[in-house]
């Protein structure tokens, strides 16, 4: 498992044939090193924090969100329920977050901010997208509530869906004049 800690961008993590337990341990080591235990985790001099749950920083929730995706699962009674399921595409690229945040990637990377509706919070929020066009990879940050010197890390994902690139380009066309 330590071999994954040696992987550098643009290599992918070797996790496909690991047991669930070993995969979780390997990914958590990467997450802790690059995000949870990184005192310099910041984008353009703005500190990045995970979202809070009940007012507390929830690193476990952040880890789960960066390694799983939401999927509709049919239960025994036929009811469709949303669950988080392992996403190999996100997980194999978990170590890509840090070099993108540090802006040390040589690829074609576009950074832009968009005003979007947060349905759960029922308000508009500014989200900043780091979009690697070469690798079809996206990181999403959100300016903290009224705080112009900090971000929340919302998610990071690979554009492996047919509509993914089209959706991110639509957001890009609606970008704000400045990065927030």
N, C-alpha and C. Protein backbone atom coordinates (compact mmCIF):
# COMPACT_ATOMS: atom_id res chain seq x y z
N UNK A 1 0.80 -1.22 0.00
CA UNK A 1 0.00 0.00 0.00
C UNK A 1 0.84 1.28 0.00
N UNK A 2 2.01 1.28 0.62
CA UNK A 2 2.80 2.52 0.64
C UNK A 2 3.18 3.00 -0.76
N UNK A 3 3.16 2.10 -1.74
CA UNK A 3 3.56 2.49 -3.09
C UNK A 3 2.66 3.60 -3.64
N UNK A 4 1.42 3.67 -3.22
CA UNK A 4 0.53 4.75 -3.70
C UNK A 4 0.98 6.11 -3.21
N UNK A 5 1.61 6.14 -2.05
CA UNK A 5 2.09 7.43 -1.53
C UNK A 5 3.23 7.99 -2.37
N UNK A 6 3.82 7.16 -3.20
CA UNK A 6 4.92 7.59 -4.06
C UNK A 6 4.42 8.08 -5.43
N UNK A 7 3.16 7.86 -5.71
CA UNK A 7 2.60 8.25 -7.02
C UNK A 7 2.54 9.76 -7.13
N UNK A 8 2.86 10.23 -8.32
CA UNK A 8 2.84 11.67 -8.63
C UNK A 8 1.88 11.91 -9.79
N UNK A 9 1.33 13.11 -9.86
CA UNK A 9 0.50 13.49 -10.99
C UNK A 9 1.33 13.39 -12.26
N UNK A 10 0.85 12.84 -13.34
CA UNK A 10 -0.50 12.39 -13.67
C UNK A 10 -0.73 10.88 -13.50
N UNK A 11 0.16 10.20 -12.78
CA UNK A 11 -0.05 8.78 -12.53
C UNK A 11 -1.38 8.58 -11.78
N UNK A 12 -1.94 7.39 -11.95
CA UNK A 12 -3.16 7.03 -11.22
C UNK A 12 -2.79 6.10 -10.07
N UNK A 13 -3.53 6.20 -8.98
CA UNK A 13 -3.29 5.31 -7.85
C UNK A 13 -3.67 3.88 -8.23
N UNK A 14 -2.91 2.92 -7.73
CA UNK A 14 -3.19 1.50 -7.96
C UNK A 14 -4.09 0.98 -6.84
N UNK A 15 -5.39 0.98 -7.10
CA UNK A 15 -6.34 0.56 -6.07
C UNK A 15 -7.37 -0.44 -6.57
N UNK A 16 -7.40 -0.69 -7.87
CA UNK A 16 -8.46 -1.50 -8.47
C UNK A 16 -8.56 -2.90 -7.90
N UNK A 17 -7.42 -3.51 -7.57
CA UNK A 17 -7.45 -4.90 -7.14
C UNK A 17 -7.23 -5.07 -5.64
N UNK A 18 -7.37 -3.98 -4.90
CA UNK A 18 -7.23 -4.05 -3.44
C UNK A 18 -8.55 -4.46 -2.79
N UNK A 19 -8.45 -5.02 -1.62
CA UNK A 19 -9.66 -5.28 -0.84
C UNK A 19 -10.23 -3.93 -0.41
N UNK A 20 -11.49 -3.89 -0.04
CA UNK A 20 -12.10 -2.64 0.40
C UNK A 20 -11.31 -2.02 1.55
N UNK A 21 -10.90 -2.85 2.50
CA UNK A 21 -10.16 -2.36 3.67
C UNK A 21 -8.82 -1.76 3.26
N UNK A 22 -8.04 -2.49 2.45
CA UNK A 22 -6.73 -1.99 2.02
C UNK A 22 -6.86 -0.73 1.17
N UNK A 23 -7.87 -0.70 0.32
CA UNK A 23 -8.11 0.47 -0.53
C UNK A 23 -8.42 1.69 0.34
N UNK A 24 -9.28 1.51 1.32
CA UNK A 24 -9.65 2.61 2.22
C UNK A 24 -8.43 3.12 2.99
N UNK A 25 -7.58 2.20 3.46
CA UNK A 25 -6.37 2.60 4.19
C UNK A 25 -5.43 3.38 3.27
N UNK A 26 -5.21 2.87 2.07
CA UNK A 26 -4.31 3.53 1.13
C UNK A 26 -4.82 4.92 0.76
N UNK A 27 -6.10 5.03 0.45
CA UNK A 27 -6.68 6.33 0.10
C UNK A 27 -6.66 7.29 1.28
N UNK A 28 -6.90 6.78 2.46
CA UNK A 28 -6.90 7.65 3.64
C UNK A 28 -5.50 8.20 3.91
N UNK A 29 -4.47 7.40 3.65
CA UNK A 29 -3.10 7.89 3.82
C UNK A 29 -2.84 9.08 2.88
N UNK A 30 -3.29 8.97 1.66
CA UNK A 30 -3.13 10.07 0.68
C UNK A 30 -3.92 11.29 1.14
N UNK A 31 -5.16 11.07 1.53
CA UNK A 31 -6.04 12.15 1.98
C UNK A 31 -5.44 12.87 3.19
N UNK A 32 -4.99 12.11 4.16
CA UNK A 32 -4.41 12.72 5.37
C UNK A 32 -3.16 13.52 5.03
N UNK A 33 -2.29 12.95 4.21
CA UNK A 33 -1.05 13.64 3.85
C UNK A 33 -1.32 14.94 3.08
N UNK A 34 -2.19 14.89 2.09
CA UNK A 34 -2.40 16.03 1.19
C UNK A 34 -3.40 17.05 1.68
N UNK A 35 -4.36 16.61 2.48
CA UNK A 35 -5.47 17.49 2.86
C UNK A 35 -5.61 17.64 4.38
N UNK A 36 -5.98 16.56 5.05
CA UNK A 36 -6.33 16.64 6.48
C UNK A 36 -5.18 17.13 7.36
N UNK A 37 -3.97 16.63 7.10
CA UNK A 37 -2.82 16.99 7.93
C UNK A 37 -1.90 18.02 7.28
N UNK A 38 -2.38 18.68 6.25
CA UNK A 38 -1.58 19.64 5.51
C UNK A 38 -1.87 21.06 6.00
N UNK A 39 -0.99 21.64 6.81
CA UNK A 39 -1.24 22.99 7.34
C UNK A 39 -1.16 24.08 6.27
N UNK A 40 -0.65 23.74 5.10
CA UNK A 40 -0.51 24.72 4.01
C UNK A 40 -1.52 24.50 2.90
N UNK A 41 -2.63 23.81 3.21
CA UNK A 41 -3.63 23.52 2.19
C UNK A 41 -4.40 24.79 1.89
N UNK A 42 -4.00 25.47 0.81
CA UNK A 42 -4.58 26.76 0.45
C UNK A 42 -4.52 26.94 -1.06
N UNK A 43 -5.49 27.67 -1.58
CA UNK A 43 -5.52 28.02 -3.00
C UNK A 43 -5.40 29.52 -3.13
N UNK A 44 -4.35 29.95 -3.78
CA UNK A 44 -4.07 31.37 -3.99
C UNK A 44 -4.14 32.15 -2.67
N UNK A 45 -3.44 31.62 -1.69
CA UNK A 45 -3.31 32.21 -0.35
C UNK A 45 -4.61 32.23 0.46
N UNK A 46 -5.60 31.46 0.03
CA UNK A 46 -6.84 31.33 0.81
C UNK A 46 -6.90 29.91 1.35
N UNK A 47 -6.94 29.79 2.66
CA UNK A 47 -6.97 28.49 3.34
C UNK A 47 -8.20 27.72 2.89
N UNK A 48 -8.04 26.40 2.73
CA UNK A 48 -9.14 25.53 2.33
C UNK A 48 -9.50 24.63 3.50
N UNK A 49 -10.78 24.59 3.80
CA UNK A 49 -11.31 23.77 4.89
C UNK A 49 -12.36 22.81 4.34
N UNK A 50 -12.56 21.69 5.02
CA UNK A 50 -13.68 20.82 4.63
C UNK A 50 -14.98 21.46 5.11
N UNK A 51 -16.07 21.03 4.53
CA UNK A 51 -17.37 21.50 5.00
C UNK A 51 -17.56 21.06 6.45
N UNK A 52 -18.37 21.80 7.15
CA UNK A 52 -18.65 21.46 8.55
C UNK A 52 -19.99 20.74 8.65
N UNK A 53 -20.06 19.82 9.60
CA UNK A 53 -21.29 19.12 9.92
C UNK A 53 -21.66 19.49 11.35
N UNK A 54 -22.80 20.07 11.53
CA UNK A 54 -23.24 20.52 12.86
C UNK A 54 -22.19 21.42 13.51
N UNK A 55 -21.56 22.27 12.70
CA UNK A 55 -20.59 23.23 13.22
C UNK A 55 -19.20 22.67 13.45
N UNK A 56 -19.01 21.37 13.20
CA UNK A 56 -17.70 20.74 13.43
C UNK A 56 -17.07 20.33 12.10
N UNK A 57 -15.76 20.47 12.01
CA UNK A 57 -15.06 20.03 10.82
C UNK A 57 -15.16 18.51 10.76
N UNK A 58 -15.57 18.00 9.62
CA UNK A 58 -15.83 16.58 9.47
C UNK A 58 -14.93 16.00 8.37
N UNK A 59 -13.72 15.60 8.73
CA UNK A 59 -12.77 15.06 7.76
C UNK A 59 -13.25 13.74 7.19
N UNK A 60 -13.95 12.93 7.98
CA UNK A 60 -14.45 11.66 7.47
C UNK A 60 -15.46 11.89 6.35
N UNK A 61 -16.34 12.85 6.54
CA UNK A 61 -17.33 13.18 5.51
C UNK A 61 -16.63 13.68 4.25
N UNK A 62 -15.60 14.51 4.42
CA UNK A 62 -14.85 15.03 3.28
C UNK A 62 -14.18 13.89 2.52
N UNK A 63 -13.54 12.98 3.25
CA UNK A 63 -12.88 11.83 2.63
C UNK A 63 -13.88 11.00 1.83
N UNK A 64 -15.01 10.73 2.42
CA UNK A 64 -16.04 9.94 1.74
C UNK A 64 -16.50 10.65 0.47
N UNK A 65 -16.67 11.95 0.55
CA UNK A 65 -17.15 12.70 -0.61
C UNK A 65 -16.12 12.71 -1.75
N UNK A 66 -14.84 12.68 -1.42
CA UNK A 66 -13.79 12.71 -2.45
C UNK A 66 -13.47 11.33 -3.04
N UNK A 67 -14.04 10.27 -2.48
CA UNK A 67 -13.76 8.93 -2.96
C UNK A 67 -15.02 8.16 -3.38
N UNK A 68 -16.16 8.78 -3.24
CA UNK A 68 -17.42 8.14 -3.62
C UNK A 68 -18.26 9.11 -4.44
N UNK A 69 -19.31 8.58 -5.06
CA UNK A 69 -20.26 9.42 -5.77
C UNK A 69 -21.67 9.05 -5.33
N UNK A 70 -22.59 9.95 -5.55
CA UNK A 70 -23.97 9.69 -5.20
C UNK A 70 -24.62 8.89 -6.32
N UNK A 71 -25.33 7.83 -5.94
CA UNK A 71 -26.00 6.98 -6.93
C UNK A 71 -27.39 6.62 -6.43
N UNK A 72 -28.30 6.43 -7.36
CA UNK A 72 -29.64 5.97 -7.03
C UNK A 72 -29.63 4.45 -6.90
N UNK A 73 -30.03 3.96 -5.74
CA UNK A 73 -30.05 2.53 -5.46
C UNK A 73 -31.49 2.12 -5.18
N UNK A 74 -31.92 1.05 -5.85
CA UNK A 74 -33.28 0.55 -5.62
C UNK A 74 -33.26 -0.40 -4.42
N UNK A 75 -34.11 -0.10 -3.45
CA UNK A 75 -34.21 -0.95 -2.27
C UNK A 75 -35.19 -2.09 -2.52
N UNK A 76 -35.27 -3.03 -1.57
CA UNK A 76 -36.12 -4.21 -1.73
C UNK A 76 -37.57 -3.86 -1.99
N UNK A 77 -38.05 -2.76 -1.40
CA UNK A 77 -39.44 -2.37 -1.58
C UNK A 77 -39.67 -1.59 -2.89
N UNK A 78 -38.62 -1.49 -3.73
CA UNK A 78 -38.75 -0.80 -5.00
C UNK A 78 -38.49 0.69 -4.93
N UNK A 79 -38.31 1.20 -3.73
CA UNK A 79 -38.07 2.63 -3.54
C UNK A 79 -36.63 2.96 -3.95
N UNK A 80 -36.47 4.07 -4.67
CA UNK A 80 -35.14 4.54 -5.09
C UNK A 80 -34.61 5.49 -4.03
N UNK A 81 -33.40 5.19 -3.52
CA UNK A 81 -32.78 5.99 -2.48
C UNK A 81 -31.37 6.36 -2.93
N UNK A 82 -30.94 7.57 -2.61
CA UNK A 82 -29.59 8.00 -2.95
C UNK A 82 -28.61 7.49 -1.90
N UNK A 83 -27.53 6.89 -2.38
CA UNK A 83 -26.46 6.38 -1.52
C UNK A 83 -25.12 6.81 -2.10
N UNK A 84 -24.11 6.87 -1.26
CA UNK A 84 -22.74 7.12 -1.73
C UNK A 84 -22.12 5.76 -2.03
N UNK A 85 -21.54 5.64 -3.22
CA UNK A 85 -20.90 4.39 -3.62
C UNK A 85 -19.48 4.71 -4.08
N UNK A 86 -18.58 3.75 -3.90
CA UNK A 86 -17.18 3.92 -4.28
C UNK A 86 -17.08 4.35 -5.74
N UNK A 87 -16.24 5.34 -5.99
CA UNK A 87 -16.00 5.85 -7.34
C UNK A 87 -14.51 5.70 -7.65
N UNK A 88 -14.19 4.72 -8.48
CA UNK A 88 -12.78 4.46 -8.78
C UNK A 88 -12.13 5.63 -9.51
N UNK A 89 -12.89 6.35 -10.31
CA UNK A 89 -12.32 7.47 -11.06
C UNK A 89 -11.88 8.61 -10.14
N UNK A 90 -12.71 8.96 -9.17
CA UNK A 90 -12.33 9.98 -8.19
C UNK A 90 -11.16 9.49 -7.34
N UNK A 91 -11.29 8.27 -6.88
CA UNK A 91 -10.31 7.71 -5.95
C UNK A 91 -8.93 7.58 -6.56
N UNK A 92 -8.84 7.13 -7.80
CA UNK A 92 -7.53 6.96 -8.44
C UNK A 92 -6.83 8.29 -8.67
N UNK A 93 -7.58 9.38 -8.56
CA UNK A 93 -7.04 10.72 -8.78
C UNK A 93 -6.99 11.56 -7.49
N UNK A 94 -7.19 10.94 -6.36
CA UNK A 94 -7.22 11.67 -5.09
C UNK A 94 -5.96 12.49 -4.87
N UNK A 95 -4.82 11.97 -5.24
CA UNK A 95 -3.54 12.67 -5.06
C UNK A 95 -3.36 13.80 -6.08
N UNK A 96 -4.29 13.98 -7.01
CA UNK A 96 -4.23 15.08 -7.97
C UNK A 96 -4.70 16.40 -7.36
N UNK A 97 -5.45 16.33 -6.28
CA UNK A 97 -6.01 17.55 -5.70
C UNK A 97 -4.91 18.52 -5.31
N UNK A 98 -3.95 18.06 -4.56
CA UNK A 98 -2.89 18.94 -4.05
C UNK A 98 -2.12 19.67 -5.15
N UNK A 99 -1.60 18.99 -6.18
CA UNK A 99 -0.87 19.76 -7.20
C UNK A 99 -1.75 20.73 -7.99
N UNK A 100 -3.02 20.44 -8.11
CA UNK A 100 -3.92 21.40 -8.76
C UNK A 100 -4.14 22.62 -7.88
N UNK A 101 -4.33 22.39 -6.60
CA UNK A 101 -4.53 23.48 -5.65
C UNK A 101 -3.27 24.35 -5.59
N UNK A 102 -2.12 23.72 -5.66
CA UNK A 102 -0.85 24.45 -5.61
C UNK A 102 -0.49 25.07 -6.97
N UNK A 103 -1.27 24.77 -7.98
CA UNK A 103 -1.09 25.28 -9.35
C UNK A 103 0.31 25.00 -9.90
N UNK A 104 0.72 23.73 -9.77
CA UNK A 104 2.01 23.31 -10.31
C UNK A 104 1.84 22.36 -11.50
N UNK A 105 0.65 22.34 -12.06
CA UNK A 105 0.33 21.47 -13.19
C UNK A 105 0.71 22.17 -14.50
N UNK A 106 1.36 21.46 -15.37
CA UNK A 106 1.76 22.02 -16.67
C UNK A 106 0.64 21.94 -17.71
N UNK A 107 -0.40 21.16 -17.44
CA UNK A 107 -1.49 20.99 -18.38
C UNK A 107 -2.30 22.28 -18.54
N UNK A 108 -3.24 22.24 -19.46
CA UNK A 108 -4.15 23.36 -19.69
C UNK A 108 -5.19 23.36 -18.56
N UNK A 109 -5.03 24.28 -17.62
CA UNK A 109 -5.93 24.38 -16.47
C UNK A 109 -6.60 25.75 -16.49
N UNK A 110 -7.93 25.74 -16.32
CA UNK A 110 -8.71 26.96 -16.32
C UNK A 110 -9.33 27.12 -14.93
N UNK A 111 -9.22 28.32 -14.38
CA UNK A 111 -9.81 28.61 -13.07
C UNK A 111 -10.86 29.69 -13.28
N UNK A 112 -12.06 29.46 -12.74
CA UNK A 112 -13.12 30.45 -12.87
C UNK A 112 -14.11 30.31 -11.72
N UNK A 113 -14.85 31.38 -11.46
CA UNK A 113 -15.87 31.39 -10.42
C UNK A 113 -17.23 31.61 -11.05
N UNK A 114 -18.26 31.01 -10.43
CA UNK A 114 -19.62 31.08 -10.92
C UNK A 114 -20.56 31.28 -9.74
N UNK A 115 -21.59 32.10 -9.94
CA UNK A 115 -22.64 32.24 -8.94
C UNK A 115 -23.68 31.16 -9.22
N UNK A 116 -23.90 30.28 -8.23
CA UNK A 116 -24.82 29.16 -8.41
C UNK A 116 -25.81 29.09 -7.26
N UNK A 117 -26.90 28.44 -7.52
CA UNK A 117 -27.93 28.25 -6.51
C UNK A 117 -27.61 27.01 -5.68
N UNK A 118 -27.54 27.18 -4.36
CA UNK A 118 -27.39 26.05 -3.44
C UNK A 118 -28.80 25.66 -3.02
N UNK A 119 -29.29 24.57 -3.58
CA UNK A 119 -30.68 24.16 -3.37
C UNK A 119 -30.96 23.87 -1.90
N UNK A 120 -30.03 23.16 -1.24
CA UNK A 120 -30.23 22.80 0.17
C UNK A 120 -30.27 24.03 1.06
N UNK A 121 -29.36 24.97 0.82
CA UNK A 121 -29.29 26.19 1.65
C UNK A 121 -30.28 27.25 1.17
N UNK A 122 -30.85 27.04 0.00
CA UNK A 122 -31.81 27.98 -0.61
C UNK A 122 -31.25 29.39 -0.73
N UNK A 123 -30.02 29.45 -1.26
CA UNK A 123 -29.40 30.75 -1.50
C UNK A 123 -28.35 30.60 -2.59
N UNK A 124 -27.92 31.72 -3.13
CA UNK A 124 -26.87 31.72 -4.13
C UNK A 124 -25.50 31.71 -3.45
N UNK A 125 -24.57 30.97 -4.03
CA UNK A 125 -23.21 30.88 -3.50
C UNK A 125 -22.23 31.00 -4.66
N UNK A 126 -21.02 31.44 -4.35
CA UNK A 126 -19.97 31.52 -5.36
C UNK A 126 -19.11 30.27 -5.25
N UNK A 127 -18.97 29.58 -6.38
CA UNK A 127 -18.12 28.40 -6.44
C UNK A 127 -16.98 28.69 -7.41
N UNK A 128 -15.80 28.23 -7.04
CA UNK A 128 -14.63 28.38 -7.89
C UNK A 128 -14.24 27.00 -8.41
N UNK A 129 -14.09 26.92 -9.71
CA UNK A 129 -13.76 25.68 -10.38
C UNK A 129 -12.31 25.70 -10.87
N UNK A 130 -11.60 24.63 -10.60
CA UNK A 130 -10.28 24.41 -11.16
C UNK A 130 -10.48 23.26 -12.15
N UNK A 131 -10.42 23.59 -13.43
CA UNK A 131 -10.76 22.64 -14.48
C UNK A 131 -9.53 22.33 -15.32
N UNK A 132 -9.06 21.11 -15.23
CA UNK A 132 -7.93 20.64 -16.03
C UNK A 132 -8.51 20.09 -17.33
N UNK A 133 -8.40 20.88 -18.38
CA UNK A 133 -8.95 20.49 -19.68
C UNK A 133 -8.21 19.30 -20.27
N UNK A 134 -6.93 19.21 -20.02
CA UNK A 134 -6.12 18.12 -20.58
C UNK A 134 -6.53 16.77 -20.00
N UNK A 135 -6.77 16.72 -18.72
CA UNK A 135 -7.09 15.46 -18.04
C UNK A 135 -8.57 15.30 -17.71
N UNK A 136 -9.38 16.30 -18.04
CA UNK A 136 -10.83 16.28 -17.77
C UNK A 136 -11.09 16.05 -16.27
N UNK A 137 -10.47 16.89 -15.47
CA UNK A 137 -10.53 16.77 -14.01
C UNK A 137 -10.97 18.11 -13.42
N UNK A 138 -11.83 18.06 -12.43
CA UNK A 138 -12.41 19.26 -11.85
C UNK A 138 -12.31 19.23 -10.33
N UNK A 139 -11.95 20.37 -9.76
CA UNK A 139 -12.00 20.57 -8.30
C UNK A 139 -12.93 21.74 -8.07
N UNK A 140 -13.81 21.61 -7.08
CA UNK A 140 -14.78 22.66 -6.80
C UNK A 140 -14.57 23.18 -5.38
N UNK A 141 -14.36 24.49 -5.29
CA UNK A 141 -14.22 25.19 -4.01
C UNK A 141 -15.39 26.15 -3.86
N UNK A 142 -15.72 26.47 -2.62
CA UNK A 142 -16.76 27.46 -2.37
C UNK A 142 -16.24 28.46 -1.36
N UNK A 143 -16.41 29.74 -1.67
CA UNK A 143 -16.00 30.77 -0.73
C UNK A 143 -16.79 30.58 0.57
N UNK A 144 -16.08 30.67 1.69
CA UNK A 144 -16.77 30.52 2.98
C UNK A 144 -17.72 31.68 3.19
N UNK A 145 -18.74 31.43 3.95
CA UNK A 145 -19.80 32.39 4.23
C UNK A 145 -19.23 33.73 4.66
N UNK A 146 -19.27 34.69 3.76
CA UNK A 146 -18.81 36.04 4.10
C UNK A 146 -17.32 36.15 4.35
N UNK A 147 -16.58 35.07 4.14
CA UNK A 147 -15.14 35.09 4.40
C UNK A 147 -14.42 35.09 3.06
N UNK A 148 -13.75 36.17 2.75
CA UNK A 148 -13.06 36.26 1.47
C UNK A 148 -11.66 35.69 1.52
N UNK A 149 -11.23 35.16 2.66
CA UNK A 149 -9.88 34.62 2.78
C UNK A 149 -9.85 33.11 2.98
N UNK A 150 -10.97 32.44 2.74
CA UNK A 150 -11.00 30.99 2.94
C UNK A 150 -12.03 30.34 2.02
N UNK A 151 -11.77 29.07 1.72
CA UNK A 151 -12.66 28.26 0.89
C UNK A 151 -13.08 27.01 1.65
N UNK A 152 -14.18 26.43 1.18
CA UNK A 152 -14.56 25.07 1.52
C UNK A 152 -14.17 24.21 0.32
N UNK A 153 -13.65 23.01 0.56
CA UNK A 153 -13.43 22.05 -0.52
C UNK A 153 -14.72 21.26 -0.66
N UNK A 154 -15.41 21.44 -1.79
CA UNK A 154 -16.67 20.75 -2.00
C UNK A 154 -16.49 19.36 -2.60
N UNK A 155 -15.70 19.29 -3.68
CA UNK A 155 -15.54 18.01 -4.35
C UNK A 155 -14.42 18.08 -5.37
N UNK A 156 -14.08 16.92 -5.90
CA UNK A 156 -13.15 16.79 -7.01
C UNK A 156 -13.56 15.54 -7.77
N UNK A 157 -13.56 15.64 -9.10
CA UNK A 157 -14.04 14.49 -9.87
C UNK A 157 -13.47 14.50 -11.28
N UNK A 158 -13.53 13.33 -11.89
CA UNK A 158 -13.10 13.11 -13.25
C UNK A 158 -14.34 13.20 -14.15
N UNK A 159 -14.22 13.87 -15.25
CA UNK A 159 -15.35 14.04 -16.18
C UNK A 159 -15.48 12.79 -17.06
N UNK A 160 -15.97 11.72 -16.48
CA UNK A 160 -16.10 10.47 -17.22
C UNK A 160 -17.51 10.24 -17.75
N UNK A 161 -18.42 11.13 -17.48
CA UNK A 161 -19.78 11.01 -17.99
C UNK A 161 -19.90 11.78 -19.31
N UNK A 162 -20.78 11.32 -20.15
CA UNK A 162 -20.97 11.93 -21.47
C UNK A 162 -21.30 13.42 -21.37
N UNK A 163 -22.09 13.79 -20.38
CA UNK A 163 -22.53 15.18 -20.23
C UNK A 163 -21.56 16.03 -19.40
N UNK A 164 -20.54 15.44 -18.83
CA UNK A 164 -19.66 16.13 -17.88
C UNK A 164 -18.96 17.34 -18.45
N UNK A 165 -18.29 17.16 -19.57
CA UNK A 165 -17.54 18.27 -20.16
C UNK A 165 -18.48 19.36 -20.65
N UNK A 166 -19.60 18.97 -21.18
CA UNK A 166 -20.61 19.93 -21.66
C UNK A 166 -21.11 20.78 -20.49
N UNK A 167 -21.34 20.14 -19.35
CA UNK A 167 -21.84 20.86 -18.16
C UNK A 167 -20.80 21.84 -17.62
N UNK A 168 -19.55 21.44 -17.59
CA UNK A 168 -18.52 22.35 -17.05
C UNK A 168 -18.29 23.52 -18.01
N UNK A 169 -18.37 23.29 -19.30
CA UNK A 169 -18.23 24.39 -20.26
C UNK A 169 -19.41 25.36 -20.18
N UNK A 170 -20.59 24.85 -19.87
CA UNK A 170 -21.75 25.72 -19.67
C UNK A 170 -21.52 26.63 -18.46
N UNK A 171 -20.97 26.07 -17.39
CA UNK A 171 -20.64 26.88 -16.21
C UNK A 171 -19.59 27.93 -16.57
N UNK A 172 -18.60 27.52 -17.35
CA UNK A 172 -17.52 28.43 -17.75
C UNK A 172 -18.08 29.64 -18.51
N UNK A 173 -19.05 29.41 -19.36
CA UNK A 173 -19.65 30.51 -20.13
C UNK A 173 -20.38 31.50 -19.21
N UNK A 174 -20.79 31.04 -18.03
CA UNK A 174 -21.50 31.91 -17.07
C UNK A 174 -20.59 32.45 -15.99
N UNK A 175 -19.28 32.32 -16.19
CA UNK A 175 -18.30 32.71 -15.17
C UNK A 175 -18.39 34.20 -14.81
N UNK A 176 -17.97 34.47 -13.59
CA UNK A 176 -17.88 35.84 -13.10
C UNK A 176 -16.62 36.48 -13.66
N UNK A 177 -16.55 37.80 -13.68
CA UNK A 177 -15.35 38.45 -14.22
C UNK A 177 -14.09 38.24 -13.38
N UNK A 178 -14.26 37.97 -12.08
CA UNK A 178 -13.13 37.76 -11.18
C UNK A 178 -13.25 36.40 -10.49
N UNK A 179 -12.10 35.89 -10.07
CA UNK A 179 -12.09 34.65 -9.28
C UNK A 179 -12.29 35.04 -7.84
N UNK A 180 -13.22 34.37 -7.19
CA UNK A 180 -13.55 34.69 -5.79
C UNK A 180 -12.95 33.70 -4.84
